[in-house]
Structures are given as structure tokens and as C-alpha cells.
Amino acid sequence: MPGAADVQLGAAPSSPTVRIDLDPVAVGRYGLTPQEVLDTVQAAYQGAVAAQVYRQDRAIDITVVTPPALRAQPEAVGDLLLRSASGAVVPLRAVADVRLSEGRTVIAHNGGRAVQTVTANPAPRDVARVTRAAQAAIAKSVRLPAGAYVEFAGAAAGATAARSQLLVNTAMALVGVVVLLVLAFGGGRAAALVLGTAPGALVGGVVAVALTGASLSLGALVGFVALFGVAARNAILLLAHAEHLVRAEGRPWTFETVLTATRERTTPILMTALVTGLGIVPLALQTGQAGREIQGPMAVVILGGLITATATTLLILPALLWRYWRPRAAN
């Protein structure tokens, strides 16, 4: 599959083994017992503890094992000599069927279930796409035996869960923002005007994502949330100052008052955008590097959105204020 790099199995499905099936009749004919045969095989290839020596407070086992040269060839297992209690010496293949076979080196378990893990390491921007493609391909082409099933986990599943949680938290925060704006400005029009600046900010973020070829990752979503906060803050600054001019300074509600509020808030709004942009430019330039999977897309979205958010606040919002809003103390 394109993008599914470094695909590996968690455990090899099979590995070469040497299988020994004892012949009970032959074992008895030579005066051996199955236990004696298996003990001899274990001592020859795994070692048997013959004695112990003591060093200070430790006991060290002395193990007897055949030389490595005699254990190098798996096919030579059948030539292992067995000695019965009567003194008869016979090779292992005379009392057992010795053959090469296939077996499992490791059988992994999770919650009492046998598990085979397949991992892939796609690029961060391709994780979601590769996961969807793998799910579709496995569902179409792989026939699993009864009782077996597939589970997908990793960065894509974690990003999906985090994205859902982020959307829920954002919706809750949005409700709280609307309530606070209504209480602060005494009506729903102010809240609607503040929220109305969000599309202008989000457009810049979308354009930045498209121009850089990035994807709508979790970092990009976090960037959109932060961008909404910046746009709302700028709009609130403008609304609050326009209301201050009318209520505290006694100015009439005219278009000139709206322009004055805009001019007096241009410097703070531009400074906020400039400082924020300069702070996140290094993160945006490092997009795609290891460890920047969240910060990079977030910085790109915020940079693009700052441009359109500032333009929307200074150029479009004043006209909307004059057309659709009046401060509470205006005559």
C-alpha cells in the first residue's frame, strides 16, 4: 500500500524447529524410558546442572553441556547417543522420529487472546489516509478464520478520539462565550457580530493549509480554535472601545465615532497580530520535522488566519457595527 512504510510483524508467524516424536515400543526395546531420553536431549542441548560452587553469599551452578560444535547442526540431533541402564548405546533416531518442522517462536497474548501485531510507520500527514486505505483493503481482501478479528490502533485512532474530544470542548466553550458576550454587551447582536468575524479568520487558515499542502490534522484543528480566540478578542476590543466612547465620553453614535474607535484600536490589534505571528513563524518553518506534528500545522493555520482576521476586524467589522449595532447608552 502506498505510504505504509516500514511494515513489520510483531512476531514471526513461524520459525524452523526440530520435532522429536518418541516411539514407545523402540524406547522400551532398548531398555530406556521416555524421561531418560528427554533428559539426555535437554542435557546435551540446554545443559544440566551437575554441581554448585559457593562464592561468598552466592551459589553458582556448574552446568554440563555438549561442545558448541556438536550443537551447531540441527540435523545432527538424531545422532545423539543414548545410554540405557543396561549399558546399551543407541542413537536418538533409533527410538524417535526426528525431523525439521515449523513452529511458533513467540505467541503473544492480550487479555487471554492470542494476538498478532502488524505495524506500519507512515508519514505523519499520511496516517489517517493510510489507516482508511488499510481498513478498506483488509475488509475487501482478507478472510479471517472464525473467532479472529482485526483491531486498528495507533496515531490515527488517537487522533480521531482527540478530535472528537476537541470538538465537544470547543462547542461547550462557544456556548460559554456567547453567554458572556450577551451579558457584557446587553444583547445578542454584539455576540453575533463577534462570532461573525470568525469566518473571515478561518478562511485565512484554510487557505494556508491548502497552500502548504498540509492536512486537516489535530494540530490544524487546535490552530483553528486558537485563531477563533484571536479573532474574537480583536472584535471585542473594537466593540468595547466603541461603547466606551459613547457611554464614558458622551459621543453621539455616528459613523465618525465608529471610525474613531477603529483608528484608536488599530495599533493594539496590529501589535497583537505581529507579536503572535513572529512568535510562531519558527514553528511554521519547521512543519514536517519529527516532533512538530502538532505545532507545525497549528502555526501554519494561525499565521494564515491572523492576516484575514486582522483585515476582517479593521475593514469589515466597523461597517457591520454601524449597520447592525448600537451601544446601550447611545441617544
C-alpha atoms as a PDB file:
ATOM      1  CA  MET A   1       0.000   0.000   0.000  1.00  0.00           C
ATOM      2  CA  PRO A   2       1.414   3.449  -0.874  1.00  0.00           C
ATOM      3  CA  GLY A   3       2.528   5.296   2.245  1.00  0.00           C
ATOM      4  CA  ALA A   4       2.595   2.223   4.515  1.00  0.00           C
ATOM      5  CA  ALA A   5       6.328   2.353   5.189  1.00  0.00           C
ATOM      6  CA  ASP A   6       8.332   0.064   7.474  1.00  0.00           C
ATOM      7  CA  VAL A   7       5.639  -2.636   7.734  1.00  0.00           C
ATOM      8  CA  GLN A   8       6.641  -5.303  10.250  1.00  0.00           C
ATOM      9  CA  LEU A   9       5.152  -8.286  12.039  1.00  0.00           C
ATOM     10  CA  GLY A  10       5.253  -8.230  15.813  1.00  0.00           C
ATOM     11  CA  ALA A  11       6.152 -11.939  15.903  1.00  0.00           C
ATOM     12  CA  ALA A  12       7.266 -14.157  13.056  1.00  0.00           C
ATOM     13  CA  PRO A  13       4.378 -16.446  12.015  1.00  0.00           C
ATOM     14  CA  SER A  14       6.672 -19.476  12.025  1.00  0.00           C
ATOM     15  CA  SER A  15      10.269 -20.487  12.597  1.00  0.00           C
ATOM     16  CA  PRO A  16      12.211 -23.679  11.921  1.00  0.00           C
ATOM     17  CA  THR A  17      12.141 -26.185  14.767  1.00  0.00           C
ATOM     18  CA  VAL A  18      13.328 -29.721  15.374  1.00  0.00           C
ATOM     19  CA  ARG A  19      10.482 -32.060  16.289  1.00  0.00           C
ATOM     20  CA  ILE A  20      11.179 -35.277  18.216  1.00  0.00           C
ATOM     21  CA  ASP A  21       8.387 -37.891  18.432  1.00  0.00           C
ATOM     22  CA  LEU A  22       9.356 -40.815  20.628  1.00  0.00           C
ATOM     23  CA  ASP A  23       8.468 -44.391  19.616  1.00  0.00           C
ATOM     24  CA  PRO A  24       7.365 -46.026  22.899  1.00  0.00           C
ATOM     25  CA  VAL A  25       7.966 -49.543  21.549  1.00  0.00           C
ATOM     26  CA  ALA A  26      11.519 -48.777  20.439  1.00  0.00           C
ATOM     27  CA  VAL A  27      12.252 -46.906  23.664  1.00  0.00           C
ATOM     28  CA  GLY A  28      11.189 -49.936  25.713  1.00  0.00           C
ATOM     29  CA  ARG A  29      13.045 -52.359  23.466  1.00  0.00           C
ATOM     30  CA  TYR A  30      16.365 -50.739  24.270  1.00  0.00           C
ATOM     31  CA  GLY A  31      15.665 -50.570  27.996  1.00  0.00           C
ATOM     32  CA  LEU A  32      15.099 -46.799  28.079  1.00  0.00           C
ATOM     33  CA  THR A  33      12.320 -44.676  29.464  1.00  0.00           C
ATOM     34  CA  PRO A  34      10.859 -41.559  27.829  1.00  0.00           C
ATOM     35  CA  GLN A  35      12.068 -39.470  30.762  1.00  0.00           C
ATOM     36  CA  GLU A  36      15.635 -40.681  30.309  1.00  0.00           C
ATOM     37  CA  VAL A  37      15.563 -39.862  26.609  1.00  0.00           C
ATOM     38  CA  LEU A  38      14.211 -36.348  27.140  1.00  0.00           C
ATOM     39  CA  ASP A  39      16.644 -35.681  29.983  1.00  0.00           C
ATOM     40  CA  THR A  40      19.537 -36.656  27.723  1.00  0.00           C
ATOM     41  CA  VAL A  41      18.340 -34.335  24.959  1.00  0.00           C
ATOM     42  CA  GLN A  42      17.918 -31.486  27.434  1.00  0.00           C
ATOM     43  CA  ALA A  43      21.382 -32.037  28.940  1.00  0.00           C
ATOM     44  CA  ALA A  44      23.018 -32.156  25.523  1.00  0.00           C
ATOM     45  CA  TYR A  45      21.420 -29.045  24.057  1.00  0.00           C
ATOM     46  CA  GLN A  46      20.357 -26.964  27.046  1.00  0.00           C
ATOM     47  CA  GLY A  47      22.693 -28.187  29.747  1.00  0.00           C
ATOM     48  CA  ALA A  48      22.210 -29.958  33.053  1.00  0.00           C
ATOM     49  CA  VAL A  49      23.263 -28.729  36.479  1.00  0.00           C
ATOM     50  CA  ALA A  50      25.906 -31.153  37.810  1.00  0.00           C
ATOM     51  CA  ALA A  51      27.101 -29.329  40.921  1.00  0.00           C
ATOM     52  CA  GLN A  52      27.379 -25.967  42.650  1.00  0.00           C
ATOM     53  CA  VAL A  53      30.217 -23.860  43.933  1.00  0.00           C
ATOM     54  CA  TYR A  54      29.856 -21.152  46.558  1.00  0.00           C
ATOM     55  CA  ARG A  55      31.396 -17.717  46.330  1.00  0.00           C
ATOM     56  CA  GLN A  56      30.784 -15.619  49.428  1.00  0.00           C
ATOM     57  CA  ASP A  57      26.986 -15.312  49.615  1.00  0.00           C
ATOM     58  CA  ARG A  58      26.213 -16.756  46.157  1.00  0.00           C
ATOM     59  CA  ALA A  59      25.735 -20.260  44.849  1.00  0.00           C
ATOM     60  CA  ILE A  60      26.902 -20.738  41.251  1.00  0.00           C
ATOM     61  CA  ASP A  61      25.597 -23.678  39.215  1.00  0.00           C
ATOM     62  CA  ILE A  62      28.038 -25.809  37.238  1.00  0.00           C
ATOM     63  CA  THR A  63      26.308 -26.881  34.024  1.00  0.00           C
ATOM     64  CA  VAL A  64      27.406 -29.719  31.785  1.00  0.00           C
ATOM     65  CA  VAL A  65      26.603 -29.351  28.079  1.00  0.00           C
ATOM     66  CA  THR A  66      27.948 -30.759  24.834  1.00  0.00           C
ATOM     67  CA  PRO A  67      30.518 -28.667  22.905  1.00  0.00           C
ATOM     68  CA  PRO A  68      29.109 -25.987  20.550  1.00  0.00           C
ATOM     69  CA  ALA A  69      30.471 -27.835  17.514  1.00  0.00           C
ATOM     70  CA  LEU A  70      28.148 -30.764  18.249  1.00  0.00           C
ATOM     71  CA  ARG A  71      25.142 -28.471  18.625  1.00  0.00           C
ATOM     72  CA  ALA A  72      25.649 -26.350  15.514  1.00  0.00           C
ATOM     73  CA  GLN A  73      23.715 -28.590  13.094  1.00  0.00           C
ATOM     74  CA  PRO A  74      20.013 -29.204  13.848  1.00  0.00           C
ATOM     75  CA  GLU A  75      20.098 -32.261  11.577  1.00  0.00           C
ATOM     76  CA  ALA A  76      22.643 -33.873  13.925  1.00  0.00           C
ATOM     77  CA  VAL A  77      20.091 -34.181  16.756  1.00  0.00           C
ATOM     78  CA  GLY A  78      19.215 -37.675  15.569  1.00  0.00           C
ATOM     79  CA  ASP A  79      22.838 -38.780  16.047  1.00  0.00           C
ATOM     80  CA  LEU A  80      22.778 -38.030  19.773  1.00  0.00           C
ATOM     81  CA  LEU A  81      23.795 -41.201  21.616  1.00  0.00           C
ATOM     82  CA  LEU A  82      21.610 -42.578  24.408  1.00  0.00           C
ATOM     83  CA  ARG A  83      22.868 -44.979  27.086  1.00  0.00           C
ATOM     84  CA  SER A  84      20.418 -47.240  28.880  1.00  0.00           C
ATOM     85  CA  ALA A  85      20.782 -48.626  32.396  1.00  0.00           C
ATOM     86  CA  SER A  86      21.959 -51.945  30.891  1.00  0.00           C
ATOM     87  CA  GLY A  87      24.805 -50.208  29.054  1.00  0.00           C
ATOM     88  CA  ALA A  88      23.263 -50.311  25.575  1.00  0.00           C
ATOM     89  CA  VAL A  89      24.127 -47.287  23.395  1.00  0.00           C
ATOM     90  CA  VAL A  90      21.775 -46.278  20.604  1.00  0.00           C
ATOM     91  CA  PRO A  91      21.334 -43.071  18.554  1.00  0.00           C
ATOM     92  CA  LEU A  92      18.262 -40.934  19.183  1.00  0.00           C
ATOM     93  CA  ARG A  93      16.867 -41.570  15.683  1.00  0.00           C
ATOM     94  CA  ALA A  94      16.611 -45.300  16.548  1.00  0.00           C
ATOM     95  CA  VAL A  95      13.960 -44.616  19.205  1.00  0.00           C
ATOM     96  CA  ALA A  96      12.321 -41.437  17.837  1.00  0.00           C
ATOM     97  CA  ASP A  97      11.197 -39.749  14.663  1.00  0.00           C
ATOM     98  CA  VAL A  98      13.454 -36.676  14.360  1.00  0.00           C
ATOM     99  CA  ARG A  99      12.566 -34.181  11.629  1.00  0.00           C
ATOM    100  CA  LEU A 100      12.681 -30.479  10.834  1.00  0.00           C
ATOM    101  CA  SER A 101       9.359 -28.689  11.186  1.00  0.00           C
ATOM    102  CA  GLU A 102       7.796 -25.248  11.558  1.00  0.00           C
ATOM    103  CA  GLY A 103       6.680 -23.785  14.863  1.00  0.00           C
ATOM    104  CA  ARG A 104       5.964 -20.519  16.652  1.00  0.00           C
ATOM    105  CA  THR A 105       8.823 -18.844  18.485  1.00  0.00           C
ATOM    106  CA  VAL A 106       6.548 -16.426  20.380  1.00  0.00           C
ATOM    107  CA  ILE A 107       2.803 -16.485  20.928  1.00  0.00           C
ATOM    108  CA  ALA A 108       1.747 -13.053  22.165  1.00  0.00           C
ATOM    109  CA  HIS A 109      -1.361 -12.693  24.307  1.00  0.00           C
ATOM    110  CA  ASN A 110      -3.537  -9.780  25.313  1.00  0.00           C
ATOM    111  CA  GLY A 111      -6.281 -10.426  27.834  1.00  0.00           C
ATOM    112  CA  GLY A 112      -6.057 -14.178  27.277  1.00  0.00           C
ATOM    113  CA  ARG A 113      -6.340 -13.835  23.497  1.00  0.00           C
ATOM    114  CA  ALA A 114      -3.623 -14.771  21.033  1.00  0.00           C
ATOM    115  CA  VAL A 115      -2.509 -11.625  19.202  1.00  0.00           C
ATOM    116  CA  GLN A 116      -0.507 -10.958  16.058  1.00  0.00           C
ATOM    117  CA  THR A 117       0.586  -7.336  15.675  1.00  0.00           C
ATOM    118  CA  VAL A 118       1.293  -5.690  12.327  1.00  0.00           C
ATOM    119  CA  THR A 119       2.818  -2.214  12.473  1.00  0.00           C
ATOM    120  CA  ALA A 120       3.444   0.463   9.866  1.00  0.00           C
ATOM    121  CA  ASN A 121       5.131   3.839  10.094  1.00  0.00           C
ATOM    122  CA  PRO A 122       3.626   6.217   7.509  1.00  0.00           C
ATOM    123  CA  ALA A 123       4.472   9.896   7.384  1.00  0.00           C
ATOM    124  CA  PRO A 124       2.526  11.961   9.957  1.00  0.00           C
ATOM    125  CA  ARG A 125       0.458  13.666   7.280  1.00  0.00           C
ATOM    126  CA  ASP A 126      -0.498  10.299   5.727  1.00  0.00           C
ATOM    127  CA  VAL A 127      -1.500   8.445   8.908  1.00  0.00           C
ATOM    128  CA  ALA A 128      -5.253   8.940   8.535  1.00  0.00           C
ATOM    129  CA  ARG A 129      -5.236   8.192   4.783  1.00  0.00           C
ATOM    130  CA  VAL A 130      -3.151   5.032   5.135  1.00  0.00           C
ATOM    131  CA  THR A 131      -5.347   3.810   8.004  1.00  0.00           C
ATOM    132  CA  ARG A 132      -8.526   4.262   5.965  1.00  0.00           C
ATOM    133  CA  ALA A 133      -6.952   2.529   2.978  1.00  0.00           C
ATOM    134  CA  ALA A 134      -5.781  -0.374   5.149  1.00  0.00           C
ATOM    135  CA  GLN A 135      -9.234  -0.805   6.660  1.00  0.00           C
ATOM    136  CA  ALA A 136     -10.843  -0.878   3.220  1.00  0.00           C
ATOM    137  CA  ALA A 137      -8.265  -3.257   1.747  1.00  0.00           C
ATOM    138  CA  ILE A 138      -8.407  -5.707   4.665  1.00  0.00           C
ATOM    139  CA  ALA A 139     -12.203  -5.710   4.680  1.00  0.00           C
ATOM    140  CA  LYS A 140     -12.208  -6.469   0.955  1.00  0.00           C
ATOM    141  CA  SER A 141      -9.350  -8.942   0.566  1.00  0.00           C
ATOM    142  CA  VAL A 142      -8.656 -10.672   3.899  1.00  0.00           C
ATOM    143  CA  ARG A 143     -10.769 -13.623   5.033  1.00  0.00           C
ATOM    144  CA  LEU A 144     -10.245 -14.260   8.725  1.00  0.00           C
ATOM    145  CA  PRO A 145     -10.924 -17.620  10.386  1.00  0.00           C
ATOM    146  CA  ALA A 146     -13.787 -17.996  12.836  1.00  0.00           C
ATOM    147  CA  GLY A 147     -13.116 -16.200  16.097  1.00  0.00           C
ATOM    148  CA  ALA A 148     -10.434 -13.900  14.667  1.00  0.00           C
ATOM    149  CA  TYR A 149     -10.940 -10.182  14.151  1.00  0.00           C
ATOM    150  CA  VAL A 150      -8.931  -7.041  13.408  1.00  0.00           C
ATOM    151  CA  GLU A 151      -8.426  -4.007  15.622  1.00  0.00           C
ATOM    152  CA  PHE A 152      -6.840  -0.756  14.423  1.00  0.00           C
ATOM    153  CA  ALA A 153      -4.899   1.307  16.934  1.00  0.00           C
ATOM    154  CA  GLY A 154      -2.162   3.892  16.938  1.00  0.00           C
ATOM    155  CA  ALA A 155      -1.824   7.517  15.909  1.00  0.00           C
ATOM    156  CA  ALA A 156      -4.914   7.575  13.673  1.00  0.00           C
ATOM    157  CA  ALA A 157      -7.224   6.172  16.361  1.00  0.00           C
ATOM    158  CA  GLY A 158      -5.746   8.508  18.945  1.00  0.00           C
ATOM    159  CA  ALA A 159      -6.146  11.493  16.639  1.00  0.00           C
ATOM    160  CA  THR A 160      -9.793  10.606  15.962  1.00  0.00           C
ATOM    161  CA  ALA A 161     -10.559  10.377  19.674  1.00  0.00           C
ATOM    162  CA  ALA A 162      -8.706  13.618  20.383  1.00  0.00           C
ATOM    163  CA  ARG A 163     -10.504  15.352  17.511  1.00  0.00           C
ATOM    164  CA  SER A 164     -13.906  14.312  18.853  1.00  0.00           C
ATOM    165  CA  GLN A 165     -12.998  15.490  22.346  1.00  0.00           C
ATOM    166  CA  LEU A 166     -11.697  18.776  20.944  1.00  0.00           C
ATOM    167  CA  LEU A 167     -14.941  19.414  19.063  1.00  0.00           C
ATOM    168  CA  VAL A 168     -17.016  18.735  22.191  1.00  0.00           C
ATOM    169  CA  ASN A 169     -14.880  21.064  24.309  1.00  0.00           C
ATOM    170  CA  THR A 170     -14.968  23.736  21.613  1.00  0.00           C
ATOM    171  CA  ALA A 171     -18.763  23.599  21.434  1.00  0.00           C
ATOM    172  CA  MET A 172     -19.010  23.968  25.207  1.00  0.00           C
ATOM    173  CA  ALA A 173     -16.587  26.895  25.162  1.00  0.00           C
ATOM    174  CA  LEU A 174     -18.534  28.529  22.327  1.00  0.00           C
ATOM    175  CA  VAL A 175     -21.737  28.405  24.345  1.00  0.00           C
ATOM    176  CA  GLY A 176     -19.931  29.994  27.284  1.00  0.00           C
ATOM    177  CA  VAL A 177     -18.513  32.750  25.060  1.00  0.00           C
ATOM    178  CA  VAL A 178     -21.957  33.604  23.682  1.00  0.00           C
ATOM    179  CA  VAL A 179     -23.454  33.794  27.167  1.00  0.00           C
ATOM    180  CA  LEU A 180     -20.658  36.070  28.398  1.00  0.00           C
ATOM    181  CA  LEU A 181     -20.951  38.359  25.367  1.00  0.00           C
ATOM    182  CA  VAL A 182     -24.707  38.692  25.830  1.00  0.00           C
ATOM    183  CA  LEU A 183     -24.233  39.574  29.499  1.00  0.00           C
ATOM    184  CA  ALA A 184     -21.381  42.007  28.780  1.00  0.00           C
ATOM    185  CA  PHE A 185     -22.981  43.943  25.918  1.00  0.00           C
ATOM    186  CA  GLY A 186     -26.611  43.550  26.859  1.00  0.00           C
ATOM    187  CA  GLY A 187     -27.850  41.811  23.737  1.00  0.00           C
ATOM    188  CA  GLY A 188     -27.375  39.112  21.198  1.00  0.00           C
ATOM    189  CA  ARG A 189     -26.299  41.417  18.345  1.00  0.00           C
ATOM    190  CA  ALA A 190     -22.889  42.023  19.882  1.00  0.00           C
ATOM    191  CA  ALA A 191     -22.370  38.287  20.262  1.00  0.00           C
ATOM    192  CA  ALA A 192     -23.449  37.742  16.660  1.00  0.00           C
ATOM    193  CA  LEU A 193     -21.014  40.410  15.427  1.00  0.00           C
ATOM    194  CA  VAL A 194     -18.119  38.911  17.382  1.00  0.00           C
ATOM    195  CA  LEU A 195     -18.893  35.433  16.082  1.00  0.00           C
ATOM    196  CA  GLY A 196     -19.350  36.885  12.603  1.00  0.00           C
ATOM    197  CA  THR A 197     -15.647  37.712  12.429  1.00  0.00           C
ATOM    198  CA  ALA A 198     -14.742  34.033  12.837  1.00  0.00           C
ATOM    199  CA  PRO A 199     -15.411  33.028   9.182  1.00  0.00           C
ATOM    200  CA  GLY A 200     -13.034  35.708   7.955  1.00  0.00           C
ATOM    201  CA  ALA A 201     -10.312  34.383  10.249  1.00  0.00           C
ATOM    202  CA  LEU A 202     -10.965  30.753   9.363  1.00  0.00           C
ATOM    203  CA  VAL A 203     -10.707  31.497   5.638  1.00  0.00           C
ATOM    204  CA  GLY A 204      -7.087  32.501   6.087  1.00  0.00           C
ATOM    205  CA  GLY A 205      -6.347  29.305   7.976  1.00  0.00           C
ATOM    206  CA  VAL A 206      -7.956  27.162   5.279  1.00  0.00           C
ATOM    207  CA  VAL A 207      -6.004  28.955   2.530  1.00  0.00           C
ATOM    208  CA  ALA A 208      -2.748  28.478   4.477  1.00  0.00           C
ATOM    209  CA  VAL A 209      -3.404  24.760   4.861  1.00  0.00           C
ATOM    210  CA  ALA A 210      -4.158  24.441   1.140  1.00  0.00           C
ATOM    211  CA  LEU A 211      -1.077  26.401   0.039  1.00  0.00           C
ATOM    212  CA  THR A 212       1.302  24.405   2.244  1.00  0.00           C
ATOM    213  CA  GLY A 213      -0.199  21.067   1.213  1.00  0.00           C
ATOM    214  CA  ALA A 214      -0.908  20.149   4.825  1.00  0.00           C
ATOM    215  CA  SER A 215      -3.832  18.054   6.020  1.00  0.00           C
ATOM    216  CA  LEU A 216      -6.612  18.796   8.490  1.00  0.00           C
ATOM    217  CA  SER A 217      -4.746  17.186  11.353  1.00  0.00           C
ATOM    218  CA  LEU A 218      -5.294  17.557  15.071  1.00  0.00           C
ATOM    219  CA  GLY A 219      -2.699  20.336  15.169  1.00  0.00           C
ATOM    220  CA  ALA A 220      -4.572  22.237  12.446  1.00  0.00           C
ATOM    221  CA  LEU A 221      -7.833  21.935  14.398  1.00  0.00           C
ATOM    222  CA  VAL A 222      -6.136  23.303  17.502  1.00  0.00           C
ATOM    223  CA  GLY A 223      -4.881  26.164  15.347  1.00  0.00           C
ATOM    224  CA  PHE A 224      -8.428  26.967  14.194  1.00  0.00           C
ATOM    225  CA  VAL A 225      -9.628  27.046  17.800  1.00  0.00           C
ATOM    226  CA  ALA A 226      -6.797  29.401  18.780  1.00  0.00           C
ATOM    227  CA  LEU A 227      -7.492  31.505  15.705  1.00  0.00           C
ATOM    228  CA  PHE A 228     -11.133  31.882  16.695  1.00  0.00           C
ATOM    229  CA  GLY A 229      -9.988  33.166  20.082  1.00  0.00           C
ATOM    230  CA  VAL A 230      -7.701  35.765  18.494  1.00  0.00           C
ATOM    231  CA  ALA A 231     -10.435  36.971  16.120  1.00  0.00           C
ATOM    232  CA  ALA A 232     -12.995  37.173  18.939  1.00  0.00           C
ATOM    233  CA  ARG A 233     -10.562  39.119  21.117  1.00  0.00           C
ATOM    234  CA  ASN A 234      -9.948  41.706  18.387  1.00  0.00           C
ATOM    235  CA  ALA A 235     -13.677  42.124  17.777  1.00  0.00           C
ATOM    236  CA  ILE A 236     -14.366  42.503  21.498  1.00  0.00           C
ATOM    237  CA  LEU A 237     -11.657  45.194  21.734  1.00  0.00           C
ATOM    238  CA  LEU A 238     -13.335  47.180  18.984  1.00  0.00           C
ATOM    239  CA  LEU A 239     -16.858  46.794  20.371  1.00  0.00           C
ATOM    240  CA  ALA A 240     -15.789  47.638  23.908  1.00  0.00           C
ATOM    241  CA  HIS A 241     -13.959  50.766  22.814  1.00  0.00           C
ATOM    242  CA  ALA A 242     -16.859  51.966  20.672  1.00  0.00           C
ATOM    243  CA  GLU A 243     -19.174  51.519  23.660  1.00  0.00           C
ATOM    244  CA  HIS A 244     -16.661  53.354  25.869  1.00  0.00           C
ATOM    245  CA  LEU A 245     -16.651  56.342  23.525  1.00  0.00           C
ATOM    246  CA  VAL A 246     -20.437  56.592  23.728  1.00  0.00           C
ATOM    247  CA  ARG A 247     -21.020  55.763  27.396  1.00  0.00           C
ATOM    248  CA  ALA A 248     -17.954  57.268  29.089  1.00  0.00           C
ATOM    249  CA  GLU A 249     -17.017  60.135  26.757  1.00  0.00           C
ATOM    250  CA  GLY A 250     -20.555  61.054  25.725  1.00  0.00           C
ATOM    251  CA  ARG A 251     -20.002  60.952  22.000  1.00  0.00           C
ATOM    252  CA  PRO A 252     -23.006  60.503  19.731  1.00  0.00           C
ATOM    253  CA  TRP A 253     -23.421  57.258  17.884  1.00  0.00           C
ATOM    254  CA  THR A 254     -22.273  58.274  14.414  1.00  0.00           C
ATOM    255  CA  PHE A 255     -20.156  56.748  11.730  1.00  0.00           C
ATOM    256  CA  GLU A 256     -17.379  59.108  12.753  1.00  0.00           C
ATOM    257  CA  THR A 257     -17.476  57.570  16.238  1.00  0.00           C
ATOM    258  CA  VAL A 258     -17.105  54.108  14.710  1.00  0.00           C
ATOM    259  CA  LEU A 259     -14.110  55.281  12.653  1.00  0.00           C
ATOM    260  CA  THR A 260     -12.540  56.866  15.743  1.00  0.00           C
ATOM    261  CA  ALA A 261     -12.900  53.627  17.718  1.00  0.00           C
ATOM    262  CA  THR A 262     -11.350  51.719  14.817  1.00  0.00           C
ATOM    263  CA  ARG A 263      -8.405  54.090  14.464  1.00  0.00           C
ATOM    264  CA  GLU A 264      -7.681  54.036  18.202  1.00  0.00           C
ATOM    265  CA  ARG A 265      -7.736  50.248  18.288  1.00  0.00           C
ATOM    266  CA  THR A 266      -5.736  49.681  15.105  1.00  0.00           C
ATOM    267  CA  THR A 267      -2.368  49.789  16.874  1.00  0.00           C
ATOM    268  CA  PRO A 268      -3.244  47.271  19.642  1.00  0.00           C
ATOM    269  CA  ILE A 269      -4.816  44.886  17.131  1.00  0.00           C
ATOM    270  CA  LEU A 270      -1.863  45.090  14.739  1.00  0.00           C
ATOM    271  CA  MET A 271       0.630  44.674  17.574  1.00  0.00           C
ATOM    272  CA  THR A 272      -1.206  41.579  18.791  1.00  0.00           C
ATOM    273  CA  ALA A 273      -1.149  40.064  15.308  1.00  0.00           C
ATOM    274  CA  LEU A 274       2.517  40.989  14.747  1.00  0.00           C
ATOM    275  CA  VAL A 275       3.786  39.611  18.060  1.00  0.00           C
ATOM    276  CA  THR A 276       1.763  36.411  17.697  1.00  0.00           C
ATOM    277  CA  GLY A 277       2.928  35.919  14.111  1.00  0.00           C
ATOM    278  CA  LEU A 278       6.613  36.483  14.908  1.00  0.00           C
ATOM    279  CA  GLY A 279       6.361  34.068  17.815  1.00  0.00           C
ATOM    280  CA  ILE A 280       5.031  31.174  15.764  1.00  0.00           C
ATOM    281  CA  VAL A 281       6.974  31.694  12.499  1.00  0.00           C
ATOM    282  CA  PRO A 282       9.775  29.321  13.655  1.00  0.00           C
ATOM    283  CA  LEU A 283       7.197  26.611  14.344  1.00  0.00           C
ATOM    284  CA  ALA A 284       5.617  27.090  10.921  1.00  0.00           C
ATOM    285  CA  LEU A 285       9.007  26.849   9.188  1.00  0.00           C
ATOM    286  CA  GLN A 286       9.713  23.537  10.960  1.00  0.00           C
ATOM    287  CA  THR A 287       6.482  21.894   9.801  1.00  0.00           C
ATOM    288  CA  GLY A 288       7.060  18.256   8.840  1.00  0.00           C
ATOM    289  CA  GLN A 289      10.001  17.686  11.135  1.00  0.00           C
ATOM    290  CA  ALA A 290       9.924  14.934  13.731  1.00  0.00           C
ATOM    291  CA  GLY A 291       8.338  16.151  16.950  1.00  0.00           C
ATOM    292  CA  ARG A 292       6.492  19.019  15.191  1.00  0.00           C
ATOM    293  CA  GLU A 293       3.408  17.046  14.151  1.00  0.00           C
ATOM    294  CA  ILE A 294       1.133  19.231  16.331  1.00  0.00           C
ATOM    295  CA  GLN A 295       2.926  22.587  16.495  1.00  0.00           C
ATOM    296  CA  GLY A 296       3.717  22.876  12.777  1.00  0.00           C
ATOM    297  CA  PRO A 297       0.175  22.646  11.308  1.00  0.00           C
ATOM    298  CA  MET A 298      -1.161  24.739  14.198  1.00  0.00           C
ATOM    299  CA  ALA A 299       1.340  27.524  13.469  1.00  0.00           C
ATOM    300  CA  VAL A 300       0.543  27.466   9.737  1.00  0.00           C
ATOM    301  CA  VAL A 301      -3.182  27.845  10.411  1.00  0.00           C
ATOM    302  CA  ILE A 302      -2.684  30.679  12.896  1.00  0.00           C
ATOM    303  CA  LEU A 303      -0.327  32.577  10.582  1.00  0.00           C
ATOM    304  CA  GLY A 304      -2.729  32.414   7.675  1.00  0.00           C
ATOM    305  CA  GLY A 305      -5.716  33.264   9.823  1.00  0.00           C
ATOM    306  CA  LEU A 306      -4.061  36.254  11.503  1.00  0.00           C
ATOM    307  CA  ILE A 307      -3.920  38.073   8.179  1.00  0.00           C
ATOM    308  CA  THR A 308      -7.579  37.664   7.315  1.00  0.00           C
ATOM    309  CA  ALA A 309      -8.714  38.054  10.947  1.00  0.00           C
ATOM    310  CA  THR A 310      -6.956  41.417  11.245  1.00  0.00           C
ATOM    311  CA  ALA A 311      -8.333  42.589   7.901  1.00  0.00           C
ATOM    312  CA  THR A 312     -11.849  41.500   8.845  1.00  0.00           C
ATOM    313  CA  THR A 313     -11.702  43.303  12.188  1.00  0.00           C
ATOM    314  CA  LEU A 314     -10.357  46.584  10.819  1.00  0.00           C
ATOM    315  CA  LEU A 315     -12.120  46.754   7.439  1.00  0.00           C
ATOM    316  CA  ILE A 316     -15.403  44.826   7.650  1.00  0.00           C
ATOM    317  CA  LEU A 317     -16.409  44.865  11.318  1.00  0.00           C
ATOM    318  CA  PRO A 318     -16.717  48.718  11.552  1.00  0.00           C
ATOM    319  CA  ALA A 319     -19.285  48.720   8.757  1.00  0.00           C
ATOM    320  CA  LEU A 320     -21.199  45.904  10.451  1.00  0.00           C
ATOM    321  CA  LEU A 321     -21.154  47.810  13.752  1.00  0.00           C
ATOM    322  CA  TRP A 322     -22.599  50.906  12.141  1.00  0.00           C
ATOM    323  CA  ARG A 323     -25.281  48.947  10.334  1.00  0.00           C
ATOM    324  CA  TYR A 324     -26.391  46.398  12.925  1.00  0.00           C
ATOM    325  CA  TRP A 325     -25.391  47.578  16.412  1.00  0.00           C
ATOM    326  CA  ARG A 326     -25.934  50.492  18.792  1.00  0.00           C
ATOM    327  CA  PRO A 327     -24.354  50.863  22.240  1.00  0.00           C
ATOM    328  CA  ARG A 328     -26.737  50.706  25.148  1.00  0.00           C
ATOM    329  CA  ALA A 329     -26.132  54.328  26.205  1.00  0.00           C
ATOM    330  CA  ALA A 330     -26.447  55.812  22.695  1.00  0.00           C
ATOM    331  CA  ASN A 331     -29.034  58.520  22.113  1.00  0.00           C
END
